[in-house]
C-alpha atoms as a PDB file:
ATOM      1  CA  MET A   1      84.352 120.134 112.275  1.00  0.00           C
ATOM      2  CA  LYS A   2      81.446 117.590 113.061  1.00  0.00           C
ATOM      3  CA  THR A   3      81.129 116.706 109.450  1.00  0.00           C
ATOM      4  CA  VAL A   4      84.950 115.912 109.116  1.00  0.00           C
ATOM      5  CA  LEU A   5      84.785 113.774 112.185  1.00  0.00           C
ATOM      6  CA  ALA A   6      81.693 111.867 110.805  1.00  0.00           C
ATOM      7  CA  ILE A   7      83.582 111.182 107.486  1.00  0.00           C
ATOM      8  CA  LEU A   8      86.669 110.000 109.286  1.00  0.00           C
ATOM      9  CA  THR A   9      84.763 107.794 111.547  1.00  0.00           C
ATOM     10  CA  ALA A  10      82.746 106.272 108.544  1.00  0.00           C
ATOM     11  CA  GLY A  11      85.991 105.631 106.821  1.00  0.00           C
ATOM     12  CA  ILE A  12      87.492 103.717 109.797  1.00  0.00           C
ATOM     13  CA  LEU A  13      84.339 101.812 110.333  1.00  0.00           C
ATOM     14  CA  VAL A  14      84.464 100.365 106.765  1.00  0.00           C
ATOM     15  CA  GLY A  15      88.215  99.479 107.219  1.00  0.00           C
ATOM     16  CA  CYS A  16      89.618 101.510 104.474  1.00  0.00           C
ATOM     17  CA  LEU A  17      90.154 105.275 104.916  1.00  0.00           C
ATOM     18  CA  THR A  18      91.053 107.251 101.801  1.00  0.00           C
ATOM     19  CA  LEU A  19      92.885 110.554 102.090  1.00  0.00           C
ATOM     20  CA  ALA A  20      93.436 112.840  99.183  1.00  0.00           C
ATOM     21  CA  ALA A  21      97.219 113.662  98.615  1.00  0.00           C
ATOM     22  CA  GLN A  22      98.760 116.300  96.482  1.00  0.00           C
ATOM     23  CA  ALA A  23     100.040 115.617  93.001  1.00  0.00           C
ATOM     24  CA  ASP A  24     103.690 114.355  92.530  1.00  0.00           C
ATOM     25  CA  ASP A  25     105.419 114.651  95.945  1.00  0.00           C
ATOM     26  CA  THR A  26     102.510 114.018  98.419  1.00  0.00           C
ATOM     27  CA  GLU A  27     101.956 115.655 101.774  1.00  0.00           C
ATOM     28  CA  LEU A  28     102.446 113.428 104.867  1.00  0.00           C
ATOM     29  CA  ILE A  29     100.132 110.477 104.908  1.00  0.00           C
ATOM     30  CA  VAL A  30      99.327 109.473 108.435  1.00  0.00           C
ATOM     31  CA  PHE A  31      97.720 106.240 109.693  1.00  0.00           C
ATOM     32  CA  ASP A  32      97.068 104.440 113.012  1.00  0.00           C
ATOM     33  CA  PHE A  33      96.885 100.613 112.747  1.00  0.00           C
ATOM     34  CA  SER A  34      95.399  98.682 115.749  1.00  0.00           C
ATOM     35  CA  ALA A  35      95.096  95.432 113.746  1.00  0.00           C
ATOM     36  CA  VAL A  36      97.478  93.701 111.442  1.00  0.00           C
ATOM     37  CA  GLY A  37      97.281  91.796 108.110  1.00  0.00           C
ATOM     38  CA  GLU A  38      95.479  92.521 104.750  1.00  0.00           C
ATOM     39  CA  GLY A  39      92.119  92.872 106.604  1.00  0.00           C
ATOM     40  CA  ALA A  40      93.576  95.889 108.321  1.00  0.00           C
ATOM     41  CA  SER A  41      94.660  97.654 105.194  1.00  0.00           C
ATOM     42  CA  GLN A  42      94.080 101.335 104.644  1.00  0.00           C
ATOM     43  CA  THR A  43      94.372 103.401 101.455  1.00  0.00           C
ATOM     44  CA  ALA A  44      95.568 106.845 100.741  1.00  0.00           C
ATOM     45  CA  GLY A  45      94.289 108.393  97.386  1.00  0.00           C
ATOM     46  CA  HIS A  46      96.827 110.062  95.194  1.00  0.00           C
ATOM     47  CA  ASN A  47      95.880 112.780  92.757  1.00  0.00           C
ATOM     48  CA  ASP A  48      98.833 112.716  90.268  1.00  0.00           C
ATOM     49  CA  ALA A  49      99.978 115.268  87.596  1.00  0.00           C
ATOM     50  CA  ASP A  50     102.821 116.172  85.529  1.00  0.00           C
ATOM     51  CA  PRO A  51     105.749 114.979  85.957  1.00  0.00           C
ATOM     52  CA  TRP A  52     103.814 111.889  86.942  1.00  0.00           C
ATOM     53  CA  LYS A  53     106.209 110.560  89.525  1.00  0.00           C
ATOM     54  CA  GLY A  54     107.356 111.479  92.998  1.00  0.00           C
ATOM     55  CA  LEU A  55     107.605 110.617  96.713  1.00  0.00           C
ATOM     56  CA  ALA A  56     104.958 109.595  99.267  1.00  0.00           C
ATOM     57  CA  TYR A  57     105.825 110.455 102.913  1.00  0.00           C
ATOM     58  CA  ILE A  58     104.065 107.821 105.221  1.00  0.00           C
ATOM     59  CA  SER A  59     103.908 107.924 109.057  1.00  0.00           C
ATOM     60  CA  VAL A  60     102.144 104.950 110.697  1.00  0.00           C
ATOM     61  CA  THR A  61     101.673 104.352 114.458  1.00  0.00           C
ATOM     62  CA  ASN A  62     101.218 100.931 116.047  1.00  0.00           C
ATOM     63  CA  THR A  63      98.161 101.424 118.227  1.00  0.00           C
ATOM     64  CA  GLY A  64      97.644  97.687 118.467  1.00  0.00           C
ATOM     65  CA  THR A  65      99.232  95.042 120.896  1.00  0.00           C
ATOM     66  CA  GLU A  66     101.529  93.077 118.597  1.00  0.00           C
ATOM     67  CA  PRO A  67     104.905  94.279 117.277  1.00  0.00           C
ATOM     68  CA  TRP A  68     105.187  94.678 113.369  1.00  0.00           C
ATOM     69  CA  GLY A  69     107.849  92.767 111.613  1.00  0.00           C
ATOM     70  CA  ASP A  70     106.996  93.895 108.062  1.00  0.00           C
ATOM     71  CA  PHE A  71     104.895  96.495 106.140  1.00  0.00           C
ATOM     72  CA  HIS A  72     103.344  96.100 102.650  1.00  0.00           C
ATOM     73  CA  PHE A  73     102.283  98.576  99.989  1.00  0.00           C
ATOM     74  CA  GLN A  74     100.269  98.160  96.814  1.00  0.00           C
ATOM     75  CA  ILE A  75      99.199 100.510  94.057  1.00  0.00           C
ATOM     76  CA  VAL A  76      95.467 100.220  93.509  1.00  0.00           C
ATOM     77  CA  GLY A  77      92.766 101.703  91.316  1.00  0.00           C
ATOM     78  CA  VAL A  78      91.508 101.759  87.604  1.00  0.00           C
ATOM     79  CA  GLY A  79      94.176 102.091  84.834  1.00  0.00           C
ATOM     80  CA  ILE A  80      97.188 101.240  87.129  1.00  0.00           C
ATOM     81  CA  GLU A  81      98.870  98.722  84.627  1.00  0.00           C
ATOM     82  CA  ASN A  82     102.187 100.613  84.511  1.00  0.00           C
ATOM     83  CA  VAL A  83     102.237 102.482  87.848  1.00  0.00           C
ATOM     84  CA  SER A  84     105.437 101.220  89.712  1.00  0.00           C
ATOM     85  CA  PHE A  85     107.604 101.596  92.733  1.00  0.00           C
ATOM     86  CA  GLY A  86     111.184 102.627  92.551  1.00  0.00           C
ATOM     87  CA  MET A  87     114.259 102.864  94.849  1.00  0.00           C
ATOM     88  CA  THR A  88     114.784 106.627  94.252  1.00  0.00           C
ATOM     89  CA  ASP A  89     114.984 108.471  97.456  1.00  0.00           C
ATOM     90  CA  PHE A  90     113.543 105.444  99.386  1.00  0.00           C
ATOM     91  CA  SER A  91     113.923 105.699 103.186  1.00  0.00           C
ATOM     92  CA  SER A  92     112.627 103.996 106.367  1.00  0.00           C
ATOM     93  CA  SER A  93     112.871 104.722 110.064  1.00  0.00           C
ATOM     94  CA  GLN A  94     113.228 100.977 110.692  1.00  0.00           C
ATOM     95  CA  THR A  95     116.413  99.081 109.896  1.00  0.00           C
ATOM     96  CA  LEU A  96     115.441  96.744 107.043  1.00  0.00           C
ATOM     97  CA  ASP A  97     116.667  93.172 107.050  1.00  0.00           C
ATOM     98  CA  SER A  98     117.070  93.341 103.268  1.00  0.00           C
ATOM     99  CA  ALA A  99     116.361  95.647 100.435  1.00  0.00           C
ATOM    100  CA  PRO A 100     112.552  96.267  99.758  1.00  0.00           C
ATOM    101  CA  VAL A 101     110.995  93.501  97.714  1.00  0.00           C
ATOM    102  CA  ILE A 102     109.416  95.215  94.811  1.00  0.00           C
ATOM    103  CA  ASP A 103     107.115  93.569  92.204  1.00  0.00           C
ATOM    104  CA  ASN A 104     106.423  96.072  89.360  1.00  0.00           C
ATOM    105  CA  VAL A 105     105.359  93.191  86.993  1.00  0.00           C
ATOM    106  CA  VAL A 106     102.078  92.436  88.490  1.00  0.00           C
ATOM    107  CA  VAL A 107      99.205  94.949  87.899  1.00  0.00           C
ATOM    108  CA  GLY A 108      98.865  96.620  91.228  1.00  0.00           C
ATOM    109  CA  ALA A 109     102.565  96.833  91.870  1.00  0.00           C
ATOM    110  CA  THR A 110     103.651  95.709  95.361  1.00  0.00           C
ATOM    111  CA  MET A 111     106.535  96.674  97.722  1.00  0.00           C
ATOM    112  CA  ASP A 112     107.270  94.709 100.740  1.00  0.00           C
ATOM    113  CA  LEU A 113     109.544  95.909 103.651  1.00  0.00           C
ATOM    114  CA  TYR A 114     111.018  93.336 106.251  1.00  0.00           C
ATOM    115  CA  PHE A 115     112.431  94.647 109.584  1.00  0.00           C
ATOM    116  CA  TYR A 116     112.109  91.626 112.096  1.00  0.00           C
ATOM    117  CA  ASN A 117     115.329  92.700 113.656  1.00  0.00           C
ATOM    118  CA  ASP A 118     113.994  96.173 114.262  1.00  0.00           C
ATOM    119  CA  PRO A 119     110.220  95.702 114.819  1.00  0.00           C
ATOM    120  CA  VAL A 120     107.634  98.475 115.374  1.00  0.00           C
ATOM    121  CA  GLN A 121     106.547  98.060 118.934  1.00  0.00           C
ATOM    122  CA  PRO A 122     102.979  98.936 120.243  1.00  0.00           C
ATOM    123  CA  THR A 123     102.817 102.817 120.542  1.00  0.00           C
ATOM    124  CA  GLU A 124     105.781 103.392 118.248  1.00  0.00           C
ATOM    125  CA  THR A 125     105.651 105.271 114.895  1.00  0.00           C
ATOM    126  CA  ALA A 126     107.446 104.276 111.830  1.00  0.00           C
ATOM    127  CA  THR A 127     108.141 106.546 108.721  1.00  0.00           C
ATOM    128  CA  PHE A 128     108.594 105.461 105.183  1.00  0.00           C
ATOM    129  CA  THR A 129     109.458 107.530 102.061  1.00  0.00           C
ATOM    130  CA  ILE A 130     108.553 105.770  98.854  1.00  0.00           C
ATOM    131  CA  TYR A 131     108.712 106.590  95.219  1.00  0.00           C
ATOM    132  CA  THR A 132     106.090 106.028  92.515  1.00  0.00           C
ATOM    133  CA  ASP A 133     106.293 106.343  88.813  1.00  0.00           C
ATOM    134  CA  ASN A 134     103.253 106.811  86.781  1.00  0.00           C
ATOM    135  CA  THR A 135     104.878 108.369  83.623  1.00  0.00           C
ATOM    136  CA  ILE A 136     103.541 105.651  81.185  1.00  0.00           C
ATOM    137  CA  ASP A 137      99.894 105.688  82.065  1.00  0.00           C
ATOM    138  CA  LYS A 138      99.705 109.175  83.364  1.00  0.00           C
ATOM    139  CA  ASN A 139      96.747 108.352  85.728  1.00  0.00           C
ATOM    140  CA  SER A 140      95.313 111.431  87.434  1.00  0.00           C
ATOM    141  CA  TYR A 141      94.434 109.348  90.440  1.00  0.00           C
ATOM    142  CA  PHE A 142      95.445 106.028  91.956  1.00  0.00           C
ATOM    143  CA  GLY A 143      95.435 104.580  95.558  1.00  0.00           C
ATOM    144  CA  LEU A 144      98.395 103.543  97.768  1.00  0.00           C
ATOM    145  CA  CYS A 145      97.075 100.634 100.048  1.00  0.00           C
ATOM    146  CA  MET A 146      99.171  99.650 102.959  1.00  0.00           C
ATOM    147  CA  TYR A 147      99.218  97.347 105.930  1.00  0.00           C
ATOM    148  CA  PRO A 148     101.546  95.874 108.619  1.00  0.00           C
ATOM    149  CA  THR A 149     101.869  92.277 109.620  1.00  0.00           C
ATOM    150  CA  PRO A 150     103.150  90.939 112.948  1.00  0.00           C
ATOM    151  CA  VAL A 151     106.445  89.552 114.055  1.00  0.00           C
ATOM    152  CA  PRO A 152     105.942  85.760 114.092  1.00  0.00           C
ATOM    153  CA  GLU A 153     106.070  83.960 117.380  1.00  0.00           C
ATOM    154  CA  PRO A 154     109.357  82.119 118.076  1.00  0.00           C
ATOM    155  CA  MET A 155     107.613  78.744 117.734  1.00  0.00           C
ATOM    156  CA  THR A 156     106.305  79.628 114.243  1.00  0.00           C
ATOM    157  CA  MET A 157     109.796  81.054 113.208  1.00  0.00           C
ATOM    158  CA  GLY A 158     111.356  77.662 114.334  1.00  0.00           C
ATOM    159  CA  LEU A 159     108.928  75.668 112.506  1.00  0.00           C
ATOM    160  CA  LEU A 160     109.398  77.690 109.312  1.00  0.00           C
ATOM    161  CA  GLY A 161     113.097  77.263 109.774  1.00  0.00           C
ATOM    162  CA  LEU A 162     112.775  73.513 110.086  1.00  0.00           C
ATOM    163  CA  GLY A 163     110.599  73.316 107.001  1.00  0.00           C
ATOM    164  CA  ALA A 164     113.090  75.315 104.953  1.00  0.00           C
ATOM    165  CA  MET A 165     116.034  73.028 106.180  1.00  0.00           C
ATOM    166  CA  ALA A 166     113.847  69.910 105.150  1.00  0.00           C
ATOM    167  CA  LEU A 167     113.271  71.431 101.674  1.00  0.00           C
ATOM    168  CA  LEU A 168     116.975  72.105 101.209  1.00  0.00           C
ATOM    169  CA  ARG A 169     117.937  68.601 102.417  1.00  0.00           C
ATOM    170  CA  ARG A 170     115.428  66.998  99.950  1.00  0.00           C
ATOM    171  CA  LYS A 171     116.587  69.214  97.061  1.00  0.00           C
ATOM    172  CA  SER A 172     120.337  68.309  97.712  1.00  0.00           C
ATOM    173  CA  ALA A 173     119.499  64.604  98.040  1.00  0.00           C
END
């Protein structure tokens, strides 16, 4: 037990905790995030096998002080040129503002979820079910890196809106 606690503590101290998952459909991946942004990312390792595609079940708890307005996933590791995200059986406990934004063209495919109208408040837990497809490369192992970002302050949102309006006005002129 002491060895397991020491390993978990060491993983948290370096900022990226890697947990082994089962092949294909993974067991539940559980993380707590006390910080936000790419610097707070955590990675779950995924041992994959035939049929080289399946679901990842993720439960994340906001142990920080800022509400989250979005959540980001990226496939990481060696030989991940064709590992991708899909919409099959996707689900989220948060009401999304739009469909997930998926970029499977970039090596290290990404999926971004936006839920500013239903943020994850401090102490709340969010769950996601995501689909990965590894049928082309058939990697026996890859990682799933993830992190939240905060809900922008009202002033920041207002400035972003004004900037977007100025760009639209300039474009139409």
